[in-house]
Every structure is written in C-alpha cells, then in structure tokens.
C-alpha atoms as a PDB file:
ATOM      1  CA  MET A   1     211.255 -62.617  96.085  1.00  0.00           C
ATOM      2  CA  ARG A   2     213.364 -61.577  99.033  1.00  0.00           C
ATOM      3  CA  VAL A   3     215.838 -64.509  98.600  1.00  0.00           C
ATOM      4  CA  ALA A   4     216.235 -63.638  95.098  1.00  0.00           C
ATOM      5  CA  LEU A   5     216.768 -59.915  95.913  1.00  0.00           C
ATOM      6  CA  ALA A   6     219.227 -60.754  98.735  1.00  0.00           C
ATOM      7  CA  LEU A   7     221.141 -63.080  96.469  1.00  0.00           C
ATOM      8  CA  SER A   8     221.711 -60.535  93.718  1.00  0.00           C
ATOM      9  CA  LEU A   9     222.591 -57.986  96.210  1.00  0.00           C
ATOM     10  CA  SER A  10     225.222 -60.158  97.687  1.00  0.00           C
ATOM     11  CA  LEU A  11     226.521 -61.357  94.413  1.00  0.00           C
ATOM     12  CA  ALA A  12     226.652 -57.491  93.170  1.00  0.00           C
ATOM     13  CA  GLN A  13     228.640 -56.583  96.603  1.00  0.00           C
ATOM     14  CA  ALA A  14     231.076 -59.554  95.864  1.00  0.00           C
ATOM     15  CA  GLY A  15     231.798 -58.126  92.278  1.00  0.00           C
ATOM     16  CA  CYS A  16     230.406 -61.201  90.586  1.00  0.00           C
ATOM     17  CA  VAL A  17     228.019 -59.721  88.262  1.00  0.00           C
ATOM     18  CA  ALA A  18     229.089 -58.932  84.913  1.00  0.00           C
ATOM     19  CA  SER A  19     227.545 -56.077  82.986  1.00  0.00           C
ATOM     20  CA  ALA A  20     228.204 -54.687  79.607  1.00  0.00           C
ATOM     21  CA  ALA A  21     230.494 -52.268  81.304  1.00  0.00           C
ATOM     22  CA  ASN A  22     232.375 -54.629  82.990  1.00  0.00           C
ATOM     23  CA  PRO A  23     232.372 -58.078  81.152  1.00  0.00           C
ATOM     24  CA  PRO A  24     233.890 -60.866  82.462  1.00  0.00           C
ATOM     25  CA  VAL A  25     237.569 -61.757  81.295  1.00  0.00           C
ATOM     26  CA  VAL A  26     239.335 -64.948  82.365  1.00  0.00           C
ATOM     27  CA  ALA A  27     242.911 -65.509  83.182  1.00  0.00           C
ATOM     28  CA  GLY A  28     243.514 -67.268  79.839  1.00  0.00           C
ATOM     29  CA  ALA A  29     242.157 -64.305  77.746  1.00  0.00           C
ATOM     30  CA  LEU A  30     244.171 -63.339  74.696  1.00  0.00           C
ATOM     31  CA  ARG A  31     244.334 -59.543  73.789  1.00  0.00           C
ATOM     32  CA  VAL A  32     245.720 -58.408  70.499  1.00  0.00           C
ATOM     33  CA  SER A  33     246.664 -55.317  69.007  1.00  0.00           C
ATOM     34  CA  ASN A  34     247.815 -54.193  65.708  1.00  0.00           C
ATOM     35  CA  ALA A  35     251.806 -54.568  66.038  1.00  0.00           C
ATOM     36  CA  GLY A  36     251.573 -52.270  68.947  1.00  0.00           C
ATOM     37  CA  GLU A  37     249.068 -49.897  67.390  1.00  0.00           C
ATOM     38  CA  ALA A  38     245.399 -49.806  68.446  1.00  0.00           C
ATOM     39  CA  PHE A  39     242.579 -51.446  66.388  1.00  0.00           C
ATOM     40  CA  GLY A  40     239.417 -49.861  65.631  1.00  0.00           C
ATOM     41  CA  PRO A  41     235.958 -51.668  66.652  1.00  0.00           C
ATOM     42  CA  SER A  42     235.535 -52.385  62.971  1.00  0.00           C
ATOM     43  CA  ASP A  43     238.905 -54.269  62.607  1.00  0.00           C
ATOM     44  CA  GLY A  44     237.408 -57.658  63.915  1.00  0.00           C
ATOM     45  CA  ALA A  45     238.687 -59.724  60.918  1.00  0.00           C
ATOM     46  CA  ALA A  46     242.077 -58.476  60.913  1.00  0.00           C
ATOM     47  CA  ALA A  47     242.133 -58.894  64.971  1.00  0.00           C
ATOM     48  CA  ARG A  48     240.982 -62.462  64.496  1.00  0.00           C
ATOM     49  CA  ARG A  49     243.999 -63.023  61.804  1.00  0.00           C
ATOM     50  CA  VAL A  50     246.420 -61.697  64.342  1.00  0.00           C
ATOM     51  CA  ALA A  51     244.858 -63.701  67.029  1.00  0.00           C
ATOM     52  CA  ASP A  52     245.058 -67.007  64.905  1.00  0.00           C
ATOM     53  CA  ALA A  53     248.679 -66.056  64.210  1.00  0.00           C
ATOM     54  CA  GLN A  54     249.633 -65.703  67.763  1.00  0.00           C
ATOM     55  CA  CYS A  55     247.969 -68.851  68.763  1.00  0.00           C
ATOM     56  CA  GLY A  56     249.698 -71.130  66.155  1.00  0.00           C
ATOM     57  CA  ALA A  57     248.254 -74.172  64.317  1.00  0.00           C
ATOM     58  CA  LYS A  58     245.014 -74.445  66.316  1.00  0.00           C
ATOM     59  CA  GLY A  59     244.191 -70.560  66.143  1.00  0.00           C
ATOM     60  CA  VAL A  60     242.142 -68.703  68.537  1.00  0.00           C
ATOM     61  CA  ASN A  61     239.318 -70.082  70.524  1.00  0.00           C
ATOM     62  CA  SER A  62     236.684 -67.650  69.414  1.00  0.00           C
ATOM     63  CA  SER A  63     233.192 -67.379  70.718  1.00  0.00           C
ATOM     64  CA  ILE A  64     230.419 -65.012  71.118  1.00  0.00           C
ATOM     65  CA  TYR A  65     232.065 -63.117  74.069  1.00  0.00           C
ATOM     66  CA  ASP A  66     234.981 -61.781  71.908  1.00  0.00           C
ATOM     67  CA  ARG A  67     235.133 -58.098  72.221  1.00  0.00           C
ATOM     68  CA  PHE A  68     236.743 -54.756  71.471  1.00  0.00           C
ATOM     69  CA  ASP A  69     238.223 -52.902  74.353  1.00  0.00           C
ATOM     70  CA  ARG A  70     237.926 -49.221  73.578  1.00  0.00           C
ATOM     71  CA  ALA A  71     240.285 -48.256  76.371  1.00  0.00           C
ATOM     72  CA  THR A  72     243.369 -50.026  75.147  1.00  0.00           C
ATOM     73  CA  GLY A  73     242.386 -50.649  71.443  1.00  0.00           C
ATOM     74  CA  GLU A  74     242.603 -54.309  71.633  1.00  0.00           C
ATOM     75  CA  TRP A  75     240.373 -57.061  70.669  1.00  0.00           C
ATOM     76  CA  VAL A  76     239.937 -59.577  73.543  1.00  0.00           C
ATOM     77  CA  TYR A  77     239.411 -63.323  73.110  1.00  0.00           C
ATOM     78  CA  PRO A  78     238.204 -64.770  76.503  1.00  0.00           C
ATOM     79  CA  GLY A  79     238.608 -68.283  75.477  1.00  0.00           C
ATOM     80  CA  GLY A  80     242.456 -67.619  74.577  1.00  0.00           C
ATOM     81  CA  CYS A  81     244.045 -70.194  72.347  1.00  0.00           C
ATOM     82  CA  ALA A  82     242.664 -73.264  71.222  1.00  0.00           C
END
C-alpha cells in the first residue's frame, strides 16, 4: 500500500497524472475550429468533417479521446491526422 501511494504521489508531483480537468494532449494533436469561430459541444460531426478536410485523403485519426475544449471552442483530436 505504501509503495502504491508513494508512486501515485510522485507521479502527481511530476505532472504525469491526467484528469478530466487536464486531459492528455500529445504533440501531434489536431485542433479545429469553425473557420476561426468557436464550435459548440454539440458540433462534433461538423468538427470531424473539418478535421477530415484538413488532414487530406486519410482523414483524422479519431479515437475515444477526441474532446471539445470549452476554453477555446475547438475540437481536439489527440491522434492527429492518420
């Protein structure tokens, strides 16, 4: 129990723990907006079409980690382009 607690505390101090408030975003993440305007949380399908168009023939690498960023009004695709 002490080892697990110590490990989780050291990971939290190192900033390696992701949470709902701070989800992981990798360097190759693709962020899309609606022609410079903010998307809404219910605009996932439209955001996906924009992301596919930006990525070209192979489209966006969509996953369960795709999310809406309320602070910027952008949809974030952590997998980037396929």
